[in-house]
């Protein structure tokens, strides 16, 4: 469960990867998009990531420039 994953004593990167992969598998999700400022180590998740910037950086959040990446992930 997400609660169990959050309580595990593992590095943030590994925990976040596992939590997302678990959710995708449990719910049978085929197509998905990850919008995040986090750098994922999981190669499968990287294929679905549109990297945004966190607060305080120039071009913070989801921007028009991300649309091409989103279209590519969803094969639009």
N, C-alpha and C. Protein backbone atom coordinates (compact mmCIF):
# COMPACT_ATOMS: atom_id res chain seq x y z
N UNK A 1 0.85 -1.19 0.00
CA UNK A 1 0.00 0.00 0.00
C UNK A 1 0.88 1.24 0.00
N UNK A 2 0.34 2.38 -0.41
CA UNK A 2 1.13 3.61 -0.38
C UNK A 2 1.65 3.93 1.03
N UNK A 3 0.83 3.64 2.05
CA UNK A 3 1.26 3.90 3.41
C UNK A 3 2.47 3.06 3.78
N UNK A 4 2.47 1.80 3.38
CA UNK A 4 3.60 0.92 3.66
C UNK A 4 4.85 1.41 2.94
N UNK A 5 4.70 1.82 1.71
CA UNK A 5 5.84 2.31 0.94
C UNK A 5 6.41 3.57 1.58
N UNK A 6 5.54 4.47 2.03
CA UNK A 6 6.01 5.70 2.65
C UNK A 6 6.75 5.45 3.96
N UNK A 7 6.44 4.36 4.64
CA UNK A 7 7.07 4.06 5.92
C UNK A 7 8.36 3.26 5.77
N UNK A 8 8.69 2.82 4.57
CA UNK A 8 9.92 2.06 4.36
C UNK A 8 11.13 2.97 4.52
N UNK A 9 12.21 2.42 5.04
CA UNK A 9 13.44 3.17 5.20
C UNK A 9 14.33 2.94 3.99
N UNK A 10 13.99 3.56 2.89
CA UNK A 10 14.75 3.42 1.65
C UNK A 10 14.99 4.81 1.08
N UNK A 11 16.01 4.96 0.23
CA UNK A 11 16.27 6.28 -0.35
C UNK A 11 15.04 6.82 -1.08
N UNK A 12 14.88 8.14 -1.06
CA UNK A 12 13.71 8.78 -1.67
C UNK A 12 13.52 8.35 -3.12
N UNK A 13 14.61 8.33 -3.88
CA UNK A 13 14.53 7.97 -5.29
C UNK A 13 13.92 6.58 -5.46
N UNK A 14 14.45 5.62 -4.75
CA UNK A 14 13.96 4.25 -4.86
C UNK A 14 12.51 4.14 -4.39
N UNK A 15 12.17 4.82 -3.32
CA UNK A 15 10.80 4.78 -2.80
C UNK A 15 9.79 5.37 -3.76
N UNK A 16 10.14 6.49 -4.34
CA UNK A 16 9.24 7.14 -5.28
C UNK A 16 9.04 6.28 -6.53
N UNK A 17 10.12 5.70 -7.03
CA UNK A 17 10.03 4.80 -8.17
C UNK A 17 9.10 3.64 -7.85
N UNK A 18 9.30 3.00 -6.71
CA UNK A 18 8.50 1.84 -6.33
C UNK A 18 7.03 2.21 -6.13
N UNK A 19 6.78 3.34 -5.52
CA UNK A 19 5.40 3.75 -5.27
C UNK A 19 4.64 3.95 -6.58
N UNK A 20 5.25 4.63 -7.53
CA UNK A 20 4.59 4.88 -8.81
C UNK A 20 4.41 3.58 -9.59
N UNK A 21 5.45 2.75 -9.65
CA UNK A 21 5.35 1.48 -10.37
C UNK A 21 4.28 0.58 -9.75
N UNK A 22 4.21 0.57 -8.43
CA UNK A 22 3.18 -0.23 -7.75
C UNK A 22 1.78 0.25 -8.15
N UNK A 23 1.56 1.54 -8.12
CA UNK A 23 0.25 2.09 -8.47
C UNK A 23 -0.13 1.73 -9.91
N UNK A 24 0.82 1.87 -10.82
CA UNK A 24 0.57 1.56 -12.23
C UNK A 24 0.19 0.10 -12.41
N UNK A 25 0.91 -0.78 -11.75
CA UNK A 25 0.65 -2.22 -11.86
C UNK A 25 -0.67 -2.62 -11.22
N UNK A 26 -0.94 -2.12 -10.03
CA UNK A 26 -2.18 -2.47 -9.32
C UNK A 26 -3.41 -2.02 -10.09
N UNK A 27 -3.34 -0.88 -10.73
CA UNK A 27 -4.50 -0.32 -11.43
C UNK A 27 -4.51 -0.63 -12.93
N UNK A 28 -3.53 -1.39 -13.40
CA UNK A 28 -3.50 -1.79 -14.81
C UNK A 28 -3.38 -0.63 -15.78
N UNK A 29 -2.67 0.38 -15.40
CA UNK A 29 -2.54 1.58 -16.23
C UNK A 29 -1.58 1.29 -17.39
N UNK A 30 -2.00 1.60 -18.59
CA UNK A 30 -1.19 1.36 -19.78
C UNK A 30 -0.47 2.62 -20.26
N UNK A 31 -1.19 3.73 -20.30
CA UNK A 31 -0.61 5.00 -20.74
C UNK A 31 -0.66 5.97 -19.58
N UNK A 32 0.46 6.60 -19.34
CA UNK A 32 0.51 7.56 -18.25
C UNK A 32 1.59 8.60 -18.50
N UNK A 33 1.46 9.68 -17.78
CA UNK A 33 2.38 10.79 -17.88
C UNK A 33 2.78 11.18 -16.47
N UNK A 34 4.05 11.43 -16.28
CA UNK A 34 4.53 11.91 -14.99
C UNK A 34 5.03 13.34 -15.19
N UNK A 35 4.44 14.27 -14.47
CA UNK A 35 4.90 15.66 -14.47
C UNK A 35 5.57 15.87 -13.12
N UNK A 36 6.87 16.09 -13.14
CA UNK A 36 7.58 16.18 -11.87
C UNK A 36 8.90 16.91 -12.05
N UNK A 37 9.40 17.47 -10.96
CA UNK A 37 10.73 18.09 -10.98
C UNK A 37 11.78 17.12 -10.45
N UNK A 38 11.37 15.90 -10.19
CA UNK A 38 12.23 14.86 -9.63
C UNK A 38 12.94 14.10 -10.75
N UNK A 39 14.18 13.72 -10.54
CA UNK A 39 14.91 12.91 -11.50
C UNK A 39 14.75 11.44 -11.13
N UNK A 40 14.02 10.71 -11.93
CA UNK A 40 13.77 9.29 -11.67
C UNK A 40 14.93 8.44 -12.17
N UNK A 41 15.25 7.37 -11.44
CA UNK A 41 16.31 6.45 -11.87
C UNK A 41 15.73 5.29 -12.66
N UNK A 42 14.45 5.00 -12.48
CA UNK A 42 13.80 3.89 -13.17
C UNK A 42 13.64 4.22 -14.65
N UNK A 43 14.24 3.39 -15.50
CA UNK A 43 14.24 3.67 -16.95
C UNK A 43 12.82 3.69 -17.54
N UNK A 44 11.94 2.83 -17.06
CA UNK A 44 10.56 2.80 -17.57
C UNK A 44 9.84 4.11 -17.22
N UNK A 45 10.01 4.57 -16.00
CA UNK A 45 9.37 5.82 -15.59
C UNK A 45 9.93 7.02 -16.35
N UNK A 46 11.21 7.00 -16.64
CA UNK A 46 11.83 8.10 -17.40
C UNK A 46 11.18 8.29 -18.75
N UNK A 47 10.70 7.20 -19.35
CA UNK A 47 10.05 7.27 -20.67
C UNK A 47 8.74 8.05 -20.61
N UNK A 48 8.17 8.19 -19.41
CA UNK A 48 6.87 8.83 -19.23
C UNK A 48 6.97 10.16 -18.48
N UNK A 49 8.19 10.60 -18.25
CA UNK A 49 8.43 11.81 -17.46
C UNK A 49 8.56 13.05 -18.32
N UNK A 50 7.84 14.08 -17.93
CA UNK A 50 8.05 15.41 -18.46
C UNK A 50 8.58 16.20 -17.27
N UNK A 51 9.85 16.54 -17.37
CA UNK A 51 10.54 17.19 -16.26
C UNK A 51 10.18 18.66 -16.20
N UNK A 52 9.64 19.06 -15.07
CA UNK A 52 9.31 20.46 -14.83
C UNK A 52 10.30 21.00 -13.80
N UNK A 53 10.22 22.28 -13.53
CA UNK A 53 11.11 22.89 -12.54
C UNK A 53 10.33 23.26 -11.31
N UNK A 54 10.99 23.15 -10.19
CA UNK A 54 10.35 23.47 -8.93
C UNK A 54 10.30 24.98 -8.70
N UNK A 55 9.57 25.37 -7.69
CA UNK A 55 9.38 26.77 -7.36
C UNK A 55 10.71 27.49 -7.21
N UNK A 56 10.78 28.69 -7.70
CA UNK A 56 11.97 29.50 -7.55
C UNK A 56 12.87 29.50 -8.77
N UNK A 57 12.64 28.61 -9.70
CA UNK A 57 13.43 28.57 -10.92
C UNK A 57 12.69 29.31 -12.03
N UNK A 58 13.45 29.73 -13.03
CA UNK A 58 12.83 30.33 -14.20
C UNK A 58 12.00 29.26 -14.90
N UNK A 59 10.89 29.61 -15.45
CA UNK A 59 10.00 28.67 -16.15
C UNK A 59 9.47 27.59 -15.21
N UNK A 60 9.09 27.98 -14.01
CA UNK A 60 8.56 27.06 -13.01
C UNK A 60 7.28 26.39 -13.49
N UNK A 61 7.15 25.09 -13.19
CA UNK A 61 5.92 24.34 -13.44
C UNK A 61 5.75 23.92 -14.89
N UNK A 62 4.54 23.53 -15.22
CA UNK A 62 4.20 23.08 -16.56
C UNK A 62 4.13 24.28 -17.50
N UNK A 63 4.82 24.16 -18.63
CA UNK A 63 4.91 25.26 -19.56
C UNK A 63 4.50 24.81 -20.97
N UNK A 64 4.25 25.75 -21.84
CA UNK A 64 3.90 25.46 -23.23
C UNK A 64 4.97 24.57 -23.87
N UNK A 65 6.23 24.83 -23.54
CA UNK A 65 7.33 24.07 -24.14
C UNK A 65 7.26 22.57 -23.82
N UNK A 66 6.50 22.18 -22.83
CA UNK A 66 6.38 20.77 -22.46
C UNK A 66 5.39 20.01 -23.35
N UNK A 67 4.59 20.73 -24.13
CA UNK A 67 3.56 20.08 -24.94
C UNK A 67 4.12 19.07 -25.93
N UNK A 68 5.25 19.36 -26.54
CA UNK A 68 5.84 18.41 -27.49
C UNK A 68 6.21 17.10 -26.79
N UNK A 69 6.76 17.19 -25.59
CA UNK A 69 7.12 15.98 -24.84
C UNK A 69 5.86 15.19 -24.47
N UNK A 70 4.82 15.88 -24.07
CA UNK A 70 3.56 15.22 -23.70
C UNK A 70 2.97 14.51 -24.91
N UNK A 71 2.94 15.18 -26.05
CA UNK A 71 2.42 14.58 -27.28
C UNK A 71 3.23 13.33 -27.67
N UNK A 72 4.52 13.39 -27.51
CA UNK A 72 5.38 12.26 -27.84
C UNK A 72 5.08 11.05 -26.95
N UNK A 73 4.90 11.29 -25.67
CA UNK A 73 4.59 10.20 -24.73
C UNK A 73 3.27 9.54 -25.08
N UNK A 74 2.27 10.32 -25.47
CA UNK A 74 0.95 9.78 -25.79
C UNK A 74 0.77 9.49 -27.28
N UNK A 75 1.83 9.63 -28.05
CA UNK A 75 1.78 9.37 -29.49
C UNK A 75 0.68 10.15 -30.19
N UNK A 76 0.58 11.40 -29.88
CA UNK A 76 -0.47 12.25 -30.47
C UNK A 76 0.04 12.82 -31.77
